[in-house]
Amino acid sequence: MKDDTKVVIALLAGLAAGAALGILFAPDAGSETRDKLAESLKNLGDSIKETAANEINNLSGLKDKVISNLKTKVKSVEEEYQDDIEHA
């Protein structure tokens, strides 16, 4: 995982923890506090899903690039091999 991704995840976790603590110590009724906490956790979950989806897309792009690069190299080696056979 990239360092940037780790920082974003840590930041989101810190924000969620701070929001949860702020809500717990706020002078609201228990049901309001639970609702706010549930909403904060839902938002955190959505942010984590979005970050994970972005990373999956990045990895998919990297996979495609690696496969393309390997195919190019294999084709090059095959062509060299054919040239060697023709000149032997």
PDB file of N, CA and C in Angstrom:
ATOM      1  N   MET A   1       0.854  -1.172   0.000  1.00  0.00           N
ATOM      2  CA  MET A   1       0.000   0.000   0.000  1.00  0.00           C
ATOM      3  C   MET A   1       0.904   1.242   0.000  1.00  0.00           C
ATOM      4  N   LYS A   2       0.541   2.234  -0.774  1.00  0.00           N
ATOM      5  CA  LYS A   2       1.320   3.456  -0.855  1.00  0.00           C
ATOM      6  C   LYS A   2       1.256   4.222   0.461  1.00  0.00           C
ATOM      7  N   ASP A   3       2.290   5.027   0.695  1.00  0.00           N
ATOM      8  CA  ASP A   3       2.325   5.842   1.909  1.00  0.00           C
ATOM      9  C   ASP A   3       1.176   6.844   1.932  1.00  0.00           C
ATOM     10  N   ASP A   4       0.823   7.395   0.753  1.00  0.00           N
ATOM     11  CA  ASP A   4      -0.287   8.352   0.693  1.00  0.00           C
ATOM     12  C   ASP A   4      -1.590   7.707   1.138  1.00  0.00           C
ATOM     13  N   THR A   5      -1.801   6.472   0.725  1.00  0.00           N
ATOM     14  CA  THR A   5      -3.024   5.765   1.087  1.00  0.00           C
ATOM     15  C   THR A   5      -3.064   5.519   2.584  1.00  0.00           C
ATOM     16  N   LYS A   6      -1.926   5.145   3.145  1.00  0.00           N
ATOM     17  CA  LYS A   6      -1.864   4.919   4.587  1.00  0.00           C
ATOM     18  C   LYS A   6      -2.190   6.196   5.350  1.00  0.00           C
ATOM     19  N   VAL A   7      -1.683   7.312   4.859  1.00  0.00           N
ATOM     20  CA  VAL A   7      -1.936   8.595   5.517  1.00  0.00           C
ATOM     21  C   VAL A   7      -3.419   8.932   5.452  1.00  0.00           C
ATOM     22  N   VAL A   8      -4.035   8.722   4.288  1.00  0.00           N
ATOM     23  CA  VAL A   8      -5.458   9.024   4.133  1.00  0.00           C
ATOM     24  C   VAL A   8      -6.296   8.149   5.063  1.00  0.00           C
ATOM     25  N   ILE A   9      -5.970   6.859   5.120  1.00  0.00           N
ATOM     26  CA  ILE A   9      -6.720   5.952   5.986  1.00  0.00           C
ATOM     27  C   ILE A   9      -6.545   6.346   7.451  1.00  0.00           C
ATOM     28  N   ALA A  10      -5.325   6.669   7.842  1.00  0.00           N
ATOM     29  CA  ALA A  10      -5.077   7.093   9.223  1.00  0.00           C
ATOM     30  C   ALA A  10      -5.822   8.386   9.533  1.00  0.00           C
ATOM     31  N   LEU A  11      -5.841   9.299   8.574  1.00  0.00           N
ATOM     32  CA  LEU A  11      -6.562  10.565   8.767  1.00  0.00           C
ATOM     33  C   LEU A  11      -8.056  10.313   8.931  1.00  0.00           C
ATOM     34  N   LEU A  12      -8.604   9.450   8.091  1.00  0.00           N
ATOM     35  CA  LEU A  12     -10.035   9.144   8.203  1.00  0.00           C
ATOM     36  C   LEU A  12     -10.361   8.467   9.534  1.00  0.00           C
ATOM     37  N   ALA A  13      -9.498   7.550   9.948  1.00  0.00           N
ATOM     38  CA  ALA A  13      -9.721   6.878  11.230  1.00  0.00           C
ATOM     39  C   ALA A  13      -9.636   7.884  12.379  1.00  0.00           C
ATOM     40  N   GLY A  14      -8.682   8.796  12.318  1.00  0.00           N
ATOM     41  CA  GLY A  14      -8.551   9.826  13.352  1.00  0.00           C
ATOM     42  C   GLY A  14      -9.752  10.754  13.392  1.00  0.00           C
ATOM     43  N   LEU A  15     -10.235  11.118  12.200  1.00  0.00           N
ATOM     44  CA  LEU A  15     -11.425  11.971  12.148  1.00  0.00           C
ATOM     45  C   LEU A  15     -12.633  11.259  12.742  1.00  0.00           C
ATOM     46  N   ALA A  16     -12.768   9.985  12.407  1.00  0.00           N
ATOM     47  CA  ALA A  16     -13.902   9.220  12.945  1.00  0.00           C
ATOM     48  C   ALA A  16     -13.800   9.093  14.457  1.00  0.00           C
ATOM     49  N   ALA A  17     -12.604   8.805  14.954  1.00  0.00           N
ATOM     50  CA  ALA A  17     -12.423   8.675  16.400  1.00  0.00           C
ATOM     51  C   ALA A  17     -12.702  10.008  17.094  1.00  0.00           C
ATOM     52  N   GLY A  18     -12.216  11.097  16.515  1.00  0.00           N
ATOM     53  CA  GLY A  18     -12.465  12.415  17.093  1.00  0.00           C
ATOM     54  C   GLY A  18     -13.944  12.768  17.081  1.00  0.00           C
ATOM     55  N   ALA A  19     -14.604  12.459  15.982  1.00  0.00           N
ATOM     56  CA  ALA A  19     -16.043  12.733  15.894  1.00  0.00           C
ATOM     57  C   ALA A  19     -16.808  11.895  16.917  1.00  0.00           C
ATOM     58  N   ALA A  20     -16.421  10.629  17.043  1.00  0.00           N
ATOM     59  CA  ALA A  20     -17.101   9.753  18.004  1.00  0.00           C
ATOM     60  C   ALA A  20     -16.922  10.266  19.427  1.00  0.00           C
ATOM     61  N   LEU A  21     -15.700  10.655  19.774  1.00  0.00           N
ATOM     62  CA  LEU A  21     -15.462  11.177  21.123  1.00  0.00           C
ATOM     63  C   LEU A  21     -16.216  12.488  21.355  1.00  0.00           C
ATOM     64  N   GLY A  22     -16.221  13.344  20.335  1.00  0.00           N
ATOM     65  CA  GLY A  22     -16.947  14.608  20.466  1.00  0.00           C
ATOM     66  C   GLY A  22     -18.431  14.387  20.660  1.00  0.00           C
ATOM     67  N   ILE A  23     -18.953  13.422  19.936  1.00  0.00           N
ATOM     68  CA  ILE A  23     -20.385  13.122  20.068  1.00  0.00           C
ATOM     69  C   ILE A  23     -20.688  12.523  21.434  1.00  0.00           C
ATOM     70  N   LEU A  24     -19.817  11.616  21.893  1.00  0.00           N
ATOM     71  CA  LEU A  24     -20.056  10.968  23.181  1.00  0.00           C
ATOM     72  C   LEU A  24     -20.036  11.950  24.347  1.00  0.00           C
ATOM     73  N   PHE A  25     -19.197  12.983  24.236  1.00  0.00           N
ATOM     74  CA  PHE A  25     -19.090  13.946  25.332  1.00  0.00           C
ATOM     75  C   PHE A  25     -19.987  15.168  25.141  1.00  0.00           C
ATOM     76  N   ALA A  26     -20.740  15.197  24.061  1.00  0.00           N
ATOM     77  CA  ALA A  26     -21.661  16.314  23.821  1.00  0.00           C
ATOM     78  C   ALA A  26     -22.880  16.173  24.741  1.00  0.00           C
ATOM     79  N   PRO A  27     -23.501  17.272  25.079  1.00  0.00           N
ATOM     80  CA  PRO A  27     -24.647  17.222  26.001  1.00  0.00           C
ATOM     81  C   PRO A  27     -25.976  16.910  25.305  1.00  0.00           C
ATOM     82  N   ASP A  28     -25.979  15.962  24.369  1.00  0.00           N
ATOM     83  CA  ASP A  28     -27.213  15.561  23.693  1.00  0.00           C
ATOM     84  C   ASP A  28     -27.837  14.368  24.405  1.00  0.00           C
ATOM     85  N   ALA A  29     -29.063  14.096  24.040  1.00  0.00           N
ATOM     86  CA  ALA A  29     -29.747  12.915  24.576  1.00  0.00           C
ATOM     87  C   ALA A  29     -29.084  11.660  24.015  1.00  0.00           C
ATOM     88  N   GLY A  30     -29.240  10.553  24.706  1.00  0.00           N
ATOM     89  CA  GLY A  30     -28.600   9.298  24.294  1.00  0.00           C
ATOM     90  C   GLY A  30     -28.984   8.864  22.892  1.00  0.00           C
ATOM     91  N   SER A  31     -30.251   8.984  22.541  1.00  0.00           N
ATOM     92  CA  SER A  31     -30.688   8.561  21.209  1.00  0.00           C
ATOM     93  C   SER A  31     -30.082   9.449  20.126  1.00  0.00           C
ATOM     94  N   GLU A  32     -29.973  10.746  20.402  1.00  0.00           N
ATOM     95  CA  GLU A  32     -29.351  11.657  19.438  1.00  0.00           C
ATOM     96  C   GLU A  32     -27.871  11.336  19.289  1.00  0.00           C
ATOM     97  N   THR A  33     -27.224  11.045  20.394  1.00  0.00           N
ATOM     98  CA  THR A  33     -25.801  10.700  20.358  1.00  0.00           C
ATOM     99  C   THR A  33     -25.585   9.432  19.553  1.00  0.00           C
ATOM    100  N   ARG A  34     -26.421   8.418  19.777  1.00  0.00           N
ATOM    101  CA  ARG A  34     -26.291   7.166  19.020  1.00  0.00           C
ATOM    102  C   ARG A  34     -26.524   7.405  17.533  1.00  0.00           C
ATOM    103  N   ASP A  35     -27.494   8.231  17.194  1.00  0.00           N
ATOM    104  CA  ASP A  35     -27.771   8.533  15.788  1.00  0.00           C
ATOM    105  C   ASP A  35     -26.576   9.238  15.133  1.00  0.00           C
ATOM    106  N   LYS A  36     -26.013  10.211  15.843  1.00  0.00           N
ATOM    107  CA  LYS A  36     -24.855  10.926  15.307  1.00  0.00           C
ATOM    108  C   LYS A  36     -23.660   9.992  15.153  1.00  0.00           C
ATOM    109  N   LEU A  37     -23.453   9.133  16.140  1.00  0.00           N
ATOM    110  CA  LEU A  37     -22.347   8.182  16.086  1.00  0.00           C
ATOM    111  C   LEU A  37     -22.545   7.207  14.922  1.00  0.00           C
ATOM    112  N   ALA A  38     -23.754   6.721  14.743  1.00  0.00           N
ATOM    113  CA  ALA A  38     -24.046   5.805  13.636  1.00  0.00           C
ATOM    114  C   ALA A  38     -23.790   6.483  12.295  1.00  0.00           C
ATOM    115  N   GLU A  39     -24.188   7.736  12.173  1.00  0.00           N
ATOM    116  CA  GLU A  39     -23.967   8.483  10.923  1.00  0.00           C
ATOM    117  C   GLU A  39     -22.468   8.685  10.668  1.00  0.00           C
ATOM    118  N   SER A  40     -21.722   9.011  11.723  1.00  0.00           N
ATOM    119  CA  SER A  40     -20.270   9.178  11.575  1.00  0.00           C
ATOM    120  C   SER A  40     -19.610   7.882  11.135  1.00  0.00           C
ATOM    121  N   LEU A  41     -20.014   6.781  11.719  1.00  0.00           N
ATOM    122  CA  LEU A  41     -19.440   5.482  11.354  1.00  0.00           C
ATOM    123  C   LEU A  41     -19.826   5.093   9.931  1.00  0.00           C
ATOM    124  N   LYS A  42     -21.043   5.433   9.531  1.00  0.00           N
ATOM    125  CA  LYS A  42     -21.472   5.149   8.155  1.00  0.00           C
ATOM    126  C   LYS A  42     -20.610   5.947   7.180  1.00  0.00           C
ATOM    127  N   ASN A  43     -20.381   7.216   7.478  1.00  0.00           N
ATOM    128  CA  ASN A  43     -19.552   8.062   6.622  1.00  0.00           C
ATOM    129  C   ASN A  43     -18.125   7.522   6.539  1.00  0.00           C
ATOM    130  N   LEU A  44     -17.600   7.064   7.668  1.00  0.00           N
ATOM    131  CA  LEU A  44     -16.257   6.485   7.671  1.00  0.00           C
ATOM    132  C   LEU A  44     -16.224   5.243   6.791  1.00  0.00           C
ATOM    133  N   GLY A  45     -17.232   4.391   6.928  1.00  0.00           N
ATOM    134  CA  GLY A  45     -17.297   3.188   6.100  1.00  0.00           C
ATOM    135  C   GLY A  45     -17.348   3.532   4.620  1.00  0.00           C
ATOM    136  N   ASP A  46     -18.134   4.543   4.274  1.00  0.00           N
ATOM    137  CA  ASP A  46     -18.214   4.973   2.875  1.00  0.00           C
ATOM    138  C   ASP A  46     -16.867   5.481   2.372  1.00  0.00           C
ATOM    139  N   SER A  47     -16.170   6.239   3.206  1.00  0.00           N
ATOM    140  CA  SER A  47     -14.854   6.753   2.819  1.00  0.00           C
ATOM    141  C   SER A  47     -13.855   5.620   2.619  1.00  0.00           C
ATOM    142  N   ILE A  48     -13.889   4.637   3.494  1.00  0.00           N
ATOM    143  CA  ILE A  48     -12.979   3.493   3.368  1.00  0.00           C
ATOM    144  C   ILE A  48     -13.299   2.709   2.099  1.00  0.00           C
ATOM    145  N   LYS A  49     -14.577   2.504   1.813  1.00  0.00           N
ATOM    146  CA  LYS A  49     -14.962   1.796   0.580  1.00  0.00           C
ATOM    147  C   LYS A  49     -14.476   2.540  -0.651  1.00  0.00           C
ATOM    148  N   GLU A  50     -14.616   3.859  -0.635  1.00  0.00           N
ATOM    149  CA  GLU A  50     -14.179   4.665  -1.782  1.00  0.00           C
ATOM    150  C   GLU A  50     -12.664   4.577  -1.962  1.00  0.00           C
ATOM    151  N   THR A  51     -11.928   4.665  -0.863  1.00  0.00           N
ATOM    152  CA  THR A  51     -10.472   4.559  -0.935  1.00  0.00           C
ATOM    153  C   THR A  51     -10.062   3.183  -1.432  1.00  0.00           C
ATOM    154  N   ALA A  52     -10.720   2.149  -0.936  1.00  0.00           N
ATOM    155  CA  ALA A  52     -10.408   0.782  -1.374  1.00  0.00           C
ATOM    156  C   ALA A  52     -10.712   0.617  -2.862  1.00  0.00           C
ATOM    157  N   ALA A  53     -11.820   1.157  -3.327  1.00  0.00           N
ATOM    158  CA  ALA A  53     -12.171   1.058  -4.746  1.00  0.00           C
ATOM    159  C   ALA A  53     -11.129   1.757  -5.612  1.00  0.00           C
ATOM    160  N   ASN A  54     -10.652   2.909  -5.164  1.00  0.00           N
ATOM    161  CA  ASN A  54      -9.612   3.623  -5.909  1.00  0.00           C
ATOM    162  C   ASN A  54      -8.325   2.809  -5.975  1.00  0.00           C
ATOM    163  N   GLU A  55      -7.951   2.199  -4.874  1.00  0.00           N
ATOM    164  CA  GLU A  55      -6.731   1.388  -4.849  1.00  0.00           C
ATOM    165  C   GLU A  55      -6.879   0.152  -5.730  1.00  0.00           C
ATOM    166  N   ILE A  56      -8.063  -0.449  -5.747  1.00  0.00           N
ATOM    167  CA  ILE A  56      -8.309  -1.610  -6.610  1.00  0.00           C
ATOM    168  C   ILE A  56      -8.176  -1.193  -8.074  1.00  0.00           C
ATOM    169  N   ASN A  57      -8.711  -0.032  -8.419  1.00  0.00           N
ATOM    170  CA  ASN A  57      -8.571   0.465  -9.793  1.00  0.00           C
ATOM    171  C   ASN A  57      -7.109   0.704 -10.144  1.00  0.00           C
ATOM    172  N   ASN A  58      -6.348   1.264  -9.215  1.00  0.00           N
ATOM    173  CA  ASN A  58      -4.919   1.490  -9.450  1.00  0.00           C
ATOM    174  C   ASN A  58      -4.194   0.173  -9.672  1.00  0.00           C
ATOM    175  N   LEU A  59      -4.515  -0.826  -8.850  1.00  0.00           N
ATOM    176  CA  LEU A  59      -3.865  -2.130  -8.992  1.00  0.00           C
ATOM    177  C   LEU A  59      -4.262  -2.801 -10.300  1.00  0.00           C
ATOM    178  N   SER A  60      -5.498  -2.636 -10.709  1.00  0.00           N
ATOM    179  CA  SER A  60      -5.952  -3.210 -11.970  1.00  0.00           C
ATOM    180  C   SER A  60      -5.189  -2.582 -13.138  1.00  0.00           C
ATOM    181  N   GLY A  61      -5.032  -1.278 -13.103  1.00  0.00           N
ATOM    182  CA  GLY A  61      -4.256  -0.591 -14.144  1.00  0.00           C
ATOM    183  C   GLY A  61      -2.814  -1.053 -14.161  1.00  0.00           C
ATOM    184  N   LEU A  62      -2.241  -1.237 -12.990  1.00  0.00           N
ATOM    185  CA  LEU A  62      -0.857  -1.718 -12.895  1.00  0.00           C
ATOM    186  C   LEU A  62      -0.750  -3.122 -13.462  1.00  0.00           C
ATOM    187  N   LYS A  63      -1.737  -3.978 -13.147  1.00  0.00           N
ATOM    188  CA  LYS A  63      -1.745  -5.350 -13.666  1.00  0.00           C
ATOM    189  C   LYS A  63      -1.778  -5.338 -15.187  1.00  0.00           C
ATOM    190  N   ASP A  64      -2.641  -4.517 -15.768  1.00  0.00           N
ATOM    191  CA  ASP A  64      -2.740  -4.435 -17.220  1.00  0.00           C
ATOM    192  C   ASP A  64      -1.427  -3.968 -17.844  1.00  0.00           C
ATOM    193  N   LYS A  65      -0.775  -3.012 -17.197  1.00  0.00           N
ATOM    194  CA  LYS A  65       0.499  -2.499 -17.700  1.00  0.00           C
ATOM    195  C   LYS A  65       1.576  -3.583 -17.650  1.00  0.00           C
ATOM    196  N   VAL A  66       1.629  -4.346 -16.562  1.00  0.00           N
ATOM    197  CA  VAL A  66       2.621  -5.415 -16.420  1.00  0.00           C
ATOM    198  C   VAL A  66       2.385  -6.505 -17.461  1.00  0.00           C
ATOM    199  N   ILE A  67       1.130  -6.884 -17.662  1.00  0.00           N
ATOM    200  CA  ILE A  67       0.814  -7.924 -18.649  1.00  0.00           C
ATOM    201  C   ILE A  67       1.199  -7.460 -20.049  1.00  0.00           C
ATOM    202  N   SER A  68       0.887  -6.238 -20.378  1.00  0.00           N
ATOM    203  CA  SER A  68       1.236  -5.695 -21.692  1.00  0.00           C
ATOM    204  C   SER A  68       2.747  -5.690 -21.889  1.00  0.00           C
ATOM    205  N   ASN A  69       3.465  -5.281 -20.854  1.00  0.00           N
ATOM    206  CA  ASN A  69       4.925  -5.245 -20.912  1.00  0.00           C
ATOM    207  C   ASN A  69       5.496  -6.652 -21.103  1.00  0.00           C
ATOM    208  N   LEU A  70       4.951  -7.622 -20.381  1.00  0.00           N
ATOM    209  CA  LEU A  70       5.418  -9.004 -20.513  1.00  0.00           C
ATOM    210  C   LEU A  70       5.139  -9.551 -21.910  1.00  0.00           C
ATOM    211  N   LYS A  71       3.961  -9.278 -22.448  1.00  0.00           N
ATOM    212  CA  LYS A  71       3.634  -9.740 -23.792  1.00  0.00           C
ATOM    213  C   LYS A  71       4.597  -9.157 -24.825  1.00  0.00           C
ATOM    214  N   THR A  72       4.933  -7.880 -24.674  1.00  0.00           N
ATOM    215  CA  THR A  72       5.867  -7.237 -25.587  1.00  0.00           C
ATOM    216  C   THR A  72       7.237  -7.902 -25.510  1.00  0.00           C
ATOM    217  N   LYS A  73       7.697  -8.176 -24.299  1.00  0.00           N
ATOM    218  CA  LYS A  73       9.007  -8.809 -24.137  1.00  0.00           C
ATOM    219  C   LYS A  73       9.018 -10.233 -24.676  1.00  0.00           C
ATOM    220  N   VAL A  74       7.944 -10.987 -24.453  1.00  0.00           N
ATOM    221  CA  VAL A  74       7.861 -12.357 -24.963  1.00  0.00           C
ATOM    222  C   VAL A  74       7.878 -12.337 -26.490  1.00  0.00           C
ATOM    223  N   LYS A  75       7.146 -11.427 -27.079  1.00  0.00           N
ATOM    224  CA  LYS A  75       7.113 -11.322 -28.541  1.00  0.00           C
ATOM    225  C   LYS A  75       8.504 -10.985 -29.074  1.00  0.00           C
ATOM    226  N   SER A  76       9.188 -10.098 -28.412  1.00  0.00           N
ATOM    227  CA  SER A  76      10.546  -9.722 -28.823  1.00  0.00           C
ATOM    228  C   SER A  76      11.483 -10.921 -28.752  1.00  0.00           C
ATOM    229  N   VAL A  77      11.398 -11.691 -27.696  1.00  0.00           N
ATOM    230  CA  VAL A  77      12.245 -12.876 -27.546  1.00  0.00           C
ATOM    231  C   VAL A  77      11.900 -13.909 -28.613  1.00  0.00           C
ATOM    232  N   GLU A  78      10.620 -14.085 -28.916  1.00  0.00           N
ATOM    233  CA  GLU A  78      10.202 -15.018 -29.967  1.00  0.00           C
ATOM    234  C   GLU A  78      10.767 -14.605 -31.317  1.00  0.00           C
ATOM    235  N   GLU A  79      10.723 -13.312 -31.608  1.00  0.00           N
ATOM    236  CA  GLU A  79      11.261 -12.819 -32.876  1.00  0.00           C
ATOM    237  C   GLU A  79      12.764 -13.048 -32.958  1.00  0.00           C
ATOM    238  N   GLU A  80      13.476 -12.802 -31.870  1.00  0.00           N
ATOM    239  CA  GLU A  80      14.922 -13.052 -31.852  1.00  0.00           C
ATOM    240  C   GLU A  80      15.209 -14.538 -32.051  1.00  0.00           C
ATOM    241  N   TYR A  81      14.429 -15.376 -31.430  1.00  0.00           N
ATOM    242  CA  TYR A  81      14.594 -16.824 -31.556  1.00  0.00           C
ATOM    243  C   TYR A  81      14.377 -17.267 -32.997  1.00  0.00           C
ATOM    244  N   GLN A  82      13.325 -16.734 -33.633  1.00  0.00           N
ATOM    245  CA  GLN A  82      13.051 -17.060 -35.030  1.00  0.00           C
ATOM    246  C   GLN A  82      14.201 -16.599 -35.931  1.00  0.00           C
ATOM    247  N   ASP A  83      14.739 -15.410 -35.657  1.00  0.00           N
ATOM    248  CA  ASP A  83      15.885 -14.902 -36.435  1.00  0.00           C
ATOM    249  C   ASP A  83      17.087 -15.825 -36.272  1.00  0.00           C
ATOM    250  N   ASP A  84      17.326 -16.264 -35.052  1.00  0.00           N
ATOM    251  CA  ASP A  84      18.448 -17.170 -34.790  1.00  0.00           C
ATOM    252  C   ASP A  84      18.276 -18.496 -35.521  1.00  0.00           C
ATOM    253  N   ILE A  85      17.051 -19.010 -35.574  1.00  0.00           N
ATOM    254  CA  ILE A  85      16.785 -20.287 -36.263  1.00  0.00           C
ATOM    255  C   ILE A  85      17.002 -20.112 -37.768  1.00  0.00           C
ATOM    256  N   GLU A  86      16.539 -18.975 -38.306  1.00  0.00           N
ATOM    257  CA  GLU A  86      16.684 -18.737 -39.751  1.00  0.00           C
ATOM    258  C   GLU A  86      18.135 -18.566 -40.160  1.00  0.00           C
ATOM    259  N   HIS A  87      18.967 -18.035 -39.291  1.00  0.00           N
ATOM    260  CA  HIS A  87      20.373 -17.793 -39.613  1.00  0.00           C
ATOM    261  C   HIS A  87      21.281 -18.947 -39.213  1.00  0.00           C
ATOM    262  N   ALA A  88      20.726 -19.968 -38.613  1.00  0.00           N
ATOM    263  CA  ALA A  88      21.548 -21.099 -38.171  1.00  0.00           C
ATOM    264  C   ALA A  88      21.775 -22.094 -39.284  1.00  0.00           C
TER     265      ALA A  88
END
